[in-house]
Protein backbone atom coordinates (compact mmCIF):
# COMPACT_ATOMS: atom_id res chain seq x y z
CA MET A 1 114.16 -81.19 -12.88
CA ILE A 2 113.60 -84.54 -11.30
CA VAL A 3 110.53 -86.57 -11.22
CA ARG A 4 109.76 -89.97 -9.72
CA LEU A 5 108.89 -92.54 -12.18
CA LEU A 6 106.92 -95.61 -11.20
CA LEU A 7 106.73 -98.55 -13.63
CA PHE A 8 104.36 -101.37 -13.59
CA ALA A 9 104.01 -104.73 -15.47
CA SER A 10 105.54 -104.69 -19.02
CA CYS A 11 106.80 -101.09 -18.42
CA ARG A 12 108.96 -102.55 -15.55
CA ASP A 13 110.26 -105.19 -17.64
CA ALA A 14 111.21 -102.90 -20.49
CA VAL A 15 112.88 -100.52 -18.26
CA GLY A 16 114.48 -102.90 -15.78
CA ALA A 17 113.32 -101.08 -12.53
CA LYS A 18 109.98 -100.67 -10.83
CA GLU A 19 110.75 -97.14 -9.96
CA LEU A 20 113.53 -94.45 -10.63
CA ASP A 21 114.33 -90.71 -10.45
CA LEU A 22 114.30 -89.32 -13.79
CA GLU A 23 115.95 -85.90 -14.91
CA VAL A 24 113.61 -84.20 -17.57
CA VAL A 25 113.40 -80.69 -19.11
CA GLU A 26 111.27 -78.03 -17.27
CA GLY A 27 107.74 -77.85 -18.67
CA ILE A 28 107.64 -81.20 -20.21
CA ASN A 29 104.27 -82.58 -20.76
CA ALA A 30 102.96 -86.27 -20.58
CA GLY A 31 103.04 -86.83 -24.19
CA SER A 32 106.57 -85.73 -24.58
CA LEU A 33 107.54 -87.59 -21.63
CA ARG A 34 106.31 -90.72 -23.16
CA ASP A 35 108.21 -89.90 -26.48
CA GLU A 36 111.45 -89.29 -24.44
CA LEU A 37 111.13 -92.47 -22.43
CA ALA A 38 110.66 -94.38 -25.78
CA GLN A 39 113.96 -92.99 -26.88
CA ARG A 40 115.72 -93.69 -23.67
CA TYR A 41 114.32 -97.18 -23.31
CA PRO A 42 113.57 -98.59 -26.77
CA ARG A 43 111.71 -101.68 -25.32
CA LEU A 44 109.00 -99.18 -24.25
CA GLY A 45 108.46 -97.91 -27.92
CA PRO A 46 105.81 -100.48 -28.84
CA LEU A 47 103.85 -99.55 -25.72
CA LYS A 48 104.16 -95.80 -26.10
CA GLY A 49 100.80 -94.96 -27.72
CA LYS A 50 99.03 -97.48 -25.24
CA LEU A 51 100.27 -96.24 -21.94
CA LEU A 52 98.20 -94.47 -19.41
CA VAL A 53 99.98 -91.82 -17.42
CA ALA A 54 99.17 -90.88 -13.78
CA VAL A 55 100.69 -87.95 -11.93
CA ASN A 56 100.40 -88.02 -8.21
CA ALA A 57 97.85 -90.74 -8.42
CA GLU A 58 95.50 -88.97 -10.87
CA TYR A 59 95.13 -90.03 -14.62
CA ILE A 60 96.25 -87.19 -16.84
CA ASP A 61 96.01 -86.35 -20.62
CA ASP A 62 99.04 -85.82 -23.05
CA GLN A 63 98.96 -82.03 -22.66
CA THR A 64 99.31 -81.96 -18.93
CA VAL A 65 102.62 -80.37 -17.70
CA ILE A 66 104.63 -82.36 -15.20
CA LYS A 67 106.26 -80.57 -12.54
CA GLU A 68 109.37 -80.79 -10.34
CA GLY A 69 108.83 -83.64 -7.66
CA ASP A 70 105.84 -85.18 -9.29
CA GLU A 71 105.30 -88.84 -9.07
CA VAL A 72 104.60 -90.15 -12.54
CA ALA A 73 103.14 -93.64 -13.05
CA LEU A 74 103.24 -95.34 -16.49
CA ILE A 75 100.57 -97.97 -16.72
CA PRO A 76 100.35 -100.43 -19.58
CA PRO A 77 97.15 -101.97 -21.01
CA VAL A 78 95.76 -104.73 -18.94
CA SER A 79 95.00 -108.02 -20.33
CA GLY A 80 93.40 -111.11 -18.88
CA GLY A 81 90.02 -112.63 -18.36
């Protein structure tokens, strides 16, 4: 199935794109998606446990199943002052 992946800040730098269409297995959940992305894009590995995931503009937990056509955003931790 295909999902739309939106990448922000350090995630965008690690992948080299701000958005892309990604083919993933049917029934994948957010936690497994983060694991798969860390394998596909090794520079995401150090961020994997710190990323927030939103689907269709709503934050989700690792157990949430992602569906065909969903828009998935990876949001890294924010720093600054």
